[in-house]
Amino acid sequence: MMVNALRWINDAKRFFVDAAVVMPDHLHLAGRLGEGSLASVMHTLKSFTANQLVGNGVMSPVWQDGYHDHQLRDDEDYGVHVRYLIENPTRAGLVEHLDDYPYLIFPDWWCDQVAPGRRSHK
């Protein structure tokens, strides 16, 4: 459900998702803002997913108030943060290899640098 919501905000040109990882208790996103403000994008994403989750029996509240954003300064800073983001499942001990984690989205150009041979989840 969360992966589909991320695809939706990307396809709707609200937030262009370059990399995302859905963890058991949080979400990491990297990308570029499209139409609207970051606050409106996050509100839409959190509201949509919370309504779906509560409708499927998850207790409310689903999300904490607010979010943490970080403006990336240059390509090197961006690369460091995206690498941290996509390696989160292995650091957390959820999987040994990135290929084993199903809730990771990143484009083909990251596949070549981080996990050669991995297919993009776009």
N, C-alpha and C. Protein backbone atom coordinates (compact mmCIF):
# COMPACT_ATOMS: atom_id res chain seq x y z
N MET A 1 0.82 -1.17 0.00
CA MET A 1 0.00 0.00 0.00
C MET A 1 0.87 1.26 0.00
N MET A 2 1.90 1.28 0.82
CA MET A 2 2.78 2.46 0.87
C MET A 2 3.55 2.62 -0.44
N VAL A 3 4.02 1.53 -1.00
CA VAL A 3 4.75 1.60 -2.28
C VAL A 3 3.83 2.18 -3.35
N ASN A 4 2.57 1.73 -3.38
CA ASN A 4 1.62 2.27 -4.36
C ASN A 4 1.36 3.75 -4.12
N ALA A 5 1.29 4.19 -2.87
CA ALA A 5 1.09 5.60 -2.56
C ALA A 5 2.28 6.43 -3.04
N LEU A 6 3.49 5.90 -2.86
CA LEU A 6 4.69 6.61 -3.33
C LEU A 6 4.69 6.71 -4.85
N ARG A 7 4.28 5.65 -5.51
CA ARG A 7 4.20 5.71 -6.98
C ARG A 7 3.18 6.76 -7.40
N TRP A 8 2.08 6.85 -6.65
CA TRP A 8 1.03 7.81 -6.98
C TRP A 8 1.54 9.25 -6.87
N ILE A 9 2.22 9.60 -5.76
CA ILE A 9 2.71 10.99 -5.63
C ILE A 9 3.77 11.30 -6.68
N ASN A 10 4.52 10.27 -7.09
CA ASN A 10 5.51 10.45 -8.16
C ASN A 10 4.79 10.67 -9.49
N ASP A 11 3.85 9.79 -9.82
CA ASP A 11 3.14 9.88 -11.11
C ASP A 11 2.27 11.13 -11.20
N ALA A 12 1.77 11.60 -10.05
CA ALA A 12 0.95 12.82 -10.02
C ALA A 12 1.80 14.09 -10.07
N LYS A 13 3.11 13.91 -10.15
CA LYS A 13 4.06 15.03 -10.24
C LYS A 13 4.02 15.93 -9.01
N ARG A 14 3.71 15.32 -7.85
CA ARG A 14 3.70 16.08 -6.59
C ARG A 14 5.07 16.01 -5.94
N PHE A 15 5.68 14.82 -6.00
CA PHE A 15 7.01 14.61 -5.44
C PHE A 15 7.66 13.52 -6.28
N PHE A 16 8.81 13.83 -6.88
CA PHE A 16 9.48 12.88 -7.75
C PHE A 16 10.40 12.02 -6.88
N VAL A 17 9.99 10.79 -6.67
CA VAL A 17 10.70 9.88 -5.77
C VAL A 17 11.92 9.32 -6.48
N ASP A 18 13.10 9.66 -5.95
CA ASP A 18 14.35 9.08 -6.46
C ASP A 18 14.70 7.81 -5.71
N ALA A 19 14.39 7.80 -4.43
CA ALA A 19 14.67 6.62 -3.60
C ALA A 19 13.74 6.65 -2.40
N ALA A 20 13.30 5.48 -2.01
CA ALA A 20 12.43 5.37 -0.84
C ALA A 20 12.62 4.00 -0.22
N VAL A 21 12.47 3.96 1.08
CA VAL A 21 12.47 2.67 1.78
C VAL A 21 11.37 2.74 2.84
N VAL A 22 10.51 1.74 2.80
CA VAL A 22 9.43 1.61 3.77
C VAL A 22 9.92 0.64 4.83
N MET A 23 10.15 1.18 6.03
CA MET A 23 10.61 0.38 7.15
C MET A 23 9.40 0.00 8.01
N PRO A 24 9.54 -0.95 8.93
CA PRO A 24 8.39 -1.35 9.75
C PRO A 24 7.78 -0.19 10.55
N ASP A 25 8.58 0.80 10.95
CA ASP A 25 8.04 1.87 11.78
C ASP A 25 8.33 3.27 11.27
N HIS A 26 8.84 3.40 10.05
CA HIS A 26 9.07 4.71 9.48
C HIS A 26 9.31 4.61 7.98
N LEU A 27 9.41 5.77 7.36
CA LEU A 27 9.59 5.87 5.91
C LEU A 27 10.70 6.86 5.64
N HIS A 28 11.57 6.52 4.68
CA HIS A 28 12.60 7.46 4.21
C HIS A 28 12.32 7.75 2.74
N LEU A 29 12.41 9.02 2.37
CA LEU A 29 12.22 9.44 0.98
C LEU A 29 13.35 10.36 0.56
N ALA A 30 13.76 10.26 -0.68
CA ALA A 30 14.66 11.23 -1.29
C ALA A 30 14.10 11.54 -2.67
N GLY A 31 14.11 12.80 -3.01
CA GLY A 31 13.60 13.17 -4.32
C GLY A 31 13.48 14.67 -4.46
N ARG A 32 12.68 15.06 -5.42
CA ARG A 32 12.50 16.47 -5.73
C ARG A 32 11.03 16.84 -5.63
N LEU A 33 10.77 17.99 -5.06
CA LEU A 33 9.42 18.49 -4.93
C LEU A 33 8.88 18.87 -6.30
N GLY A 34 7.67 18.49 -6.57
CA GLY A 34 7.00 18.85 -7.82
C GLY A 34 5.99 19.94 -7.56
N GLU A 35 4.72 19.64 -7.81
CA GLU A 35 3.65 20.62 -7.63
C GLU A 35 3.24 20.69 -6.17
N GLY A 36 3.06 21.90 -5.67
CA GLY A 36 2.63 22.10 -4.30
C GLY A 36 3.80 22.19 -3.34
N SER A 37 3.47 22.32 -2.08
CA SER A 37 4.50 22.43 -1.04
C SER A 37 4.82 21.06 -0.48
N LEU A 38 5.98 20.95 0.17
CA LEU A 38 6.33 19.69 0.82
C LEU A 38 5.32 19.36 1.91
N ALA A 39 4.86 20.36 2.64
CA ALA A 39 3.86 20.13 3.69
C ALA A 39 2.58 19.53 3.11
N SER A 40 2.13 20.03 1.96
CA SER A 40 0.90 19.47 1.36
C SER A 40 1.12 18.06 0.83
N VAL A 41 2.29 17.80 0.28
CA VAL A 41 2.60 16.44 -0.20
C VAL A 41 2.62 15.47 0.97
N MET A 42 3.29 15.85 2.06
CA MET A 42 3.36 14.95 3.22
C MET A 42 1.98 14.76 3.84
N HIS A 43 1.18 15.81 3.91
CA HIS A 43 -0.18 15.69 4.44
C HIS A 43 -0.99 14.70 3.61
N THR A 44 -0.93 14.85 2.30
CA THR A 44 -1.67 13.96 1.40
C THR A 44 -1.21 12.52 1.56
N LEU A 45 0.09 12.31 1.56
CA LEU A 45 0.64 10.96 1.68
C LEU A 45 0.24 10.32 3.01
N LYS A 46 0.40 11.06 4.10
CA LYS A 46 0.08 10.52 5.42
C LYS A 46 -1.42 10.30 5.59
N SER A 47 -2.23 11.22 5.11
CA SER A 47 -3.68 11.09 5.23
C SER A 47 -4.19 9.88 4.44
N PHE A 48 -3.75 9.78 3.19
CA PHE A 48 -4.19 8.67 2.33
C PHE A 48 -3.80 7.32 2.93
N THR A 49 -2.55 7.19 3.33
CA THR A 49 -2.10 5.89 3.85
C THR A 49 -2.72 5.59 5.21
N ALA A 50 -2.88 6.61 6.05
CA ALA A 50 -3.51 6.38 7.37
C ALA A 50 -4.95 5.90 7.20
N ASN A 51 -5.70 6.52 6.30
CA ASN A 51 -7.08 6.08 6.08
C ASN A 51 -7.13 4.64 5.59
N GLN A 52 -6.23 4.27 4.71
CA GLN A 52 -6.21 2.89 4.23
C GLN A 52 -5.84 1.91 5.34
N LEU A 53 -4.83 2.27 6.12
CA LEU A 53 -4.38 1.38 7.20
C LEU A 53 -5.43 1.23 8.29
N VAL A 54 -6.04 2.33 8.68
CA VAL A 54 -7.09 2.27 9.71
C VAL A 54 -8.26 1.44 9.19
N GLY A 55 -8.58 1.59 7.91
CA GLY A 55 -9.63 0.79 7.29
C GLY A 55 -9.32 -0.70 7.28
N ASN A 56 -8.05 -1.03 7.41
CA ASN A 56 -7.62 -2.44 7.46
C ASN A 56 -7.26 -2.89 8.87
N GLY A 57 -7.72 -2.13 9.87
CA GLY A 57 -7.57 -2.58 11.25
C GLY A 57 -6.38 -2.07 12.03
N VAL A 58 -5.55 -1.22 11.43
CA VAL A 58 -4.41 -0.65 12.15
C VAL A 58 -4.94 0.45 13.07
N MET A 59 -4.45 0.47 14.29
CA MET A 59 -4.92 1.47 15.26
C MET A 59 -4.40 2.87 14.90
N SER A 60 -5.27 3.84 15.12
CA SER A 60 -4.92 5.24 14.90
C SER A 60 -4.34 5.81 16.18
N PRO A 61 -3.41 6.75 16.15
CA PRO A 61 -2.84 7.37 14.96
C PRO A 61 -1.77 6.50 14.32
N VAL A 62 -1.70 6.58 13.01
CA VAL A 62 -0.72 5.80 12.25
C VAL A 62 0.62 6.53 12.19
N TRP A 63 0.58 7.83 11.98
CA TRP A 63 1.79 8.63 11.78
C TRP A 63 1.98 9.57 12.96
N GLN A 64 3.24 9.88 13.26
CA GLN A 64 3.53 10.93 14.23
C GLN A 64 3.27 12.28 13.57
N ASP A 65 3.08 13.30 14.38
CA ASP A 65 2.90 14.65 13.85
C ASP A 65 4.21 15.11 13.21
N GLY A 66 4.08 15.84 12.13
CA GLY A 66 5.23 16.42 11.47
C GLY A 66 6.05 15.42 10.68
N TYR A 67 7.22 15.88 10.26
CA TYR A 67 8.17 15.07 9.50
C TYR A 67 9.51 15.79 9.59
N HIS A 68 10.55 15.10 9.24
CA HIS A 68 11.89 15.68 9.26
C HIS A 68 12.38 15.80 7.83
N ASP A 69 12.71 17.00 7.41
CA ASP A 69 13.22 17.18 6.06
C ASP A 69 14.66 17.67 6.14
N HIS A 70 15.35 17.46 5.05
CA HIS A 70 16.76 17.87 4.97
C HIS A 70 17.02 18.28 3.54
N GLN A 71 17.46 19.51 3.34
CA GLN A 71 17.81 19.97 2.00
C GLN A 71 19.22 19.49 1.68
N LEU A 72 19.35 18.80 0.57
CA LEU A 72 20.64 18.27 0.16
C LEU A 72 21.37 19.32 -0.67
N ARG A 73 22.63 19.54 -0.34
CA ARG A 73 23.38 20.67 -0.89
C ARG A 73 23.95 20.44 -2.28
N ASP A 74 24.43 19.25 -2.54
CA ASP A 74 25.09 18.98 -3.82
C ASP A 74 25.01 17.49 -4.10
N ASP A 75 25.56 17.08 -5.22
CA ASP A 75 25.48 15.66 -5.62
C ASP A 75 26.14 14.74 -4.60
N GLU A 76 27.24 15.18 -4.01
CA GLU A 76 27.92 14.34 -3.03
C GLU A 76 27.06 14.16 -1.78
N ASP A 77 26.48 15.23 -1.28
CA ASP A 77 25.59 15.17 -0.12
C ASP A 77 24.39 14.30 -0.44
N TYR A 78 23.84 14.47 -1.63
CA TYR A 78 22.69 13.68 -2.07
C TYR A 78 23.06 12.19 -2.08
N GLY A 79 24.21 11.87 -2.64
CA GLY A 79 24.65 10.48 -2.72
C GLY A 79 24.82 9.85 -1.35
N VAL A 80 25.39 10.59 -0.41
CA VAL A 80 25.57 10.08 0.96
C VAL A 80 24.22 9.78 1.59
N HIS A 81 23.27 10.68 1.45
CA HIS A 81 21.96 10.49 2.07
C HIS A 81 21.15 9.38 1.40
N VAL A 82 21.20 9.28 0.09
CA VAL A 82 20.47 8.22 -0.60
C VAL A 82 21.08 6.86 -0.25
N ARG A 83 22.39 6.76 -0.18
CA ARG A 83 23.03 5.50 0.20
C ARG A 83 22.60 5.09 1.62
N TYR A 84 22.58 6.06 2.55
CA TYR A 84 22.12 5.78 3.91
C TYR A 84 20.68 5.27 3.89
N LEU A 85 19.84 5.94 3.13
CA LEU A 85 18.43 5.57 3.02
C LEU A 85 18.27 4.13 2.54
N ILE A 86 18.90 3.79 1.43
CA ILE A 86 18.65 2.46 0.86
C ILE A 86 19.35 1.35 1.62
N GLU A 87 20.34 1.68 2.43
CA GLU A 87 21.00 0.64 3.22
C GLU A 87 20.34 0.44 4.58
N ASN A 88 19.29 1.20 4.86
CA ASN A 88 18.59 1.11 6.13
C ASN A 88 18.12 -0.30 6.48
N PRO A 89 17.52 -1.06 5.58
CA PRO A 89 17.08 -2.42 5.93
C PRO A 89 18.21 -3.36 6.35
N THR A 90 19.38 -3.23 5.72
CA THR A 90 20.50 -4.09 6.11
C THR A 90 21.08 -3.65 7.44
N ARG A 91 21.18 -2.34 7.66
CA ARG A 91 21.67 -1.85 8.96
C ARG A 91 20.74 -2.26 10.10
N ALA A 92 19.43 -2.30 9.83
CA ALA A 92 18.45 -2.66 10.85
C ALA A 92 18.38 -4.17 11.07
N GLY A 93 19.11 -4.94 10.25
CA GLY A 93 19.11 -6.39 10.41
C GLY A 93 17.88 -7.07 9.84
N LEU A 94 17.14 -6.38 8.99
CA LEU A 94 15.95 -6.98 8.40
C LEU A 94 16.30 -7.95 7.27
N VAL A 95 17.38 -7.68 6.57
CA VAL A 95 17.86 -8.53 5.49
C VAL A 95 19.38 -8.47 5.44
N GLU A 96 19.98 -9.46 4.81
CA GLU A 96 21.43 -9.42 4.62
C GLU A 96 21.80 -8.68 3.34
N HIS A 97 20.94 -8.78 2.32
CA HIS A 97 21.22 -8.19 1.01
C HIS A 97 20.05 -7.29 0.60
N LEU A 98 20.37 -6.17 -0.03
CA LEU A 98 19.32 -5.25 -0.48
C LEU A 98 18.28 -5.92 -1.35
N ASP A 99 18.69 -6.85 -2.20
CA ASP A 99 17.76 -7.53 -3.09
C ASP A 99 16.67 -8.28 -2.34
N ASP A 100 16.91 -8.59 -1.08
CA ASP A 100 15.94 -9.36 -0.30
C ASP A 100 14.87 -8.49 0.33
N TYR A 101 15.01 -7.18 0.26
CA TYR A 101 14.03 -6.29 0.90
C TYR A 101 13.04 -5.79 -0.14
N PRO A 102 11.75 -6.13 0.00
CA PRO A 102 10.78 -5.81 -1.06
C PRO A 102 10.29 -4.37 -1.08
N TYR A 103 10.54 -3.59 -0.03
CA TYR A 103 9.95 -2.25 0.07
C TYR A 103 10.99 -1.16 -0.13
N LEU A 104 11.80 -1.34 -1.15
CA LEU A 104 12.86 -0.42 -1.49
C LEU A 104 12.64 0.01 -2.93
N ILE A 105 12.62 1.31 -3.15
CA ILE A 105 12.43 1.85 -4.50
C ILE A 105 13.61 2.75 -4.81
N PHE A 106 14.28 2.48 -5.92
CA PHE A 106 15.30 3.40 -6.39
C PHE A 106 15.50 3.19 -7.88
N PRO A 107 15.92 4.25 -8.57
CA PRO A 107 16.02 4.20 -10.03
C PRO A 107 17.22 3.38 -10.51
N ASP A 108 17.21 3.09 -11.78
CA ASP A 108 18.25 2.26 -12.38
C ASP A 108 19.66 2.80 -12.17
N TRP A 109 19.84 4.12 -12.18
CA TRP A 109 21.20 4.64 -12.02
C TRP A 109 21.76 4.32 -10.64
N TRP A 110 20.91 4.17 -9.61
CA TRP A 110 21.40 3.75 -8.29
C TRP A 110 21.64 2.26 -8.27
N CYS A 111 20.84 1.51 -9.02
CA CYS A 111 21.04 0.06 -9.08
C CYS A 111 22.47 -0.24 -9.52
N ASP A 112 22.93 0.47 -10.53
CA ASP A 112 24.27 0.22 -11.05
C ASP A 112 25.36 0.51 -10.02
N GLN A 113 25.16 1.54 -9.18
CA GLN A 113 26.18 1.93 -8.21
C GLN A 113 26.12 1.12 -6.92
N VAL A 114 24.91 0.77 -6.48
CA VAL A 114 24.74 0.19 -5.16
C VAL A 114 24.51 -1.32 -5.21
N ALA A 115 23.73 -1.76 -6.17
CA ALA A 115 23.38 -3.18 -6.24
C ALA A 115 23.37 -3.62 -7.70
N PRO A 116 24.55 -3.84 -8.29
CA PRO A 116 24.59 -4.23 -9.70
C PRO A 116 23.72 -5.45 -9.96
N GLY A 117 22.97 -5.37 -11.04
CA GLY A 117 22.10 -6.47 -11.41
C GLY A 117 20.70 -6.38 -10.81
N ARG A 118 20.49 -5.49 -9.87
CA ARG A 118 19.16 -5.34 -9.26
C ARG A 118 18.26 -4.57 -10.22
N ARG A 119 17.02 -4.97 -10.27
CA ARG A 119 16.04 -4.26 -11.08
C ARG A 119 15.43 -3.12 -10.29
N SER A 120 15.12 -2.04 -10.98
CA SER A 120 14.45 -0.91 -10.35
C SER A 120 13.03 -1.30 -9.96
N HIS A 121 12.51 -0.70 -8.90
CA HIS A 121 11.14 -0.94 -8.46
C HIS A 121 10.24 0.22 -8.83
N LYS A 122 10.49 0.87 -9.95
CA LYS A 122 9.64 2.00 -10.38
C LYS A 122 8.46 1.46 -11.12
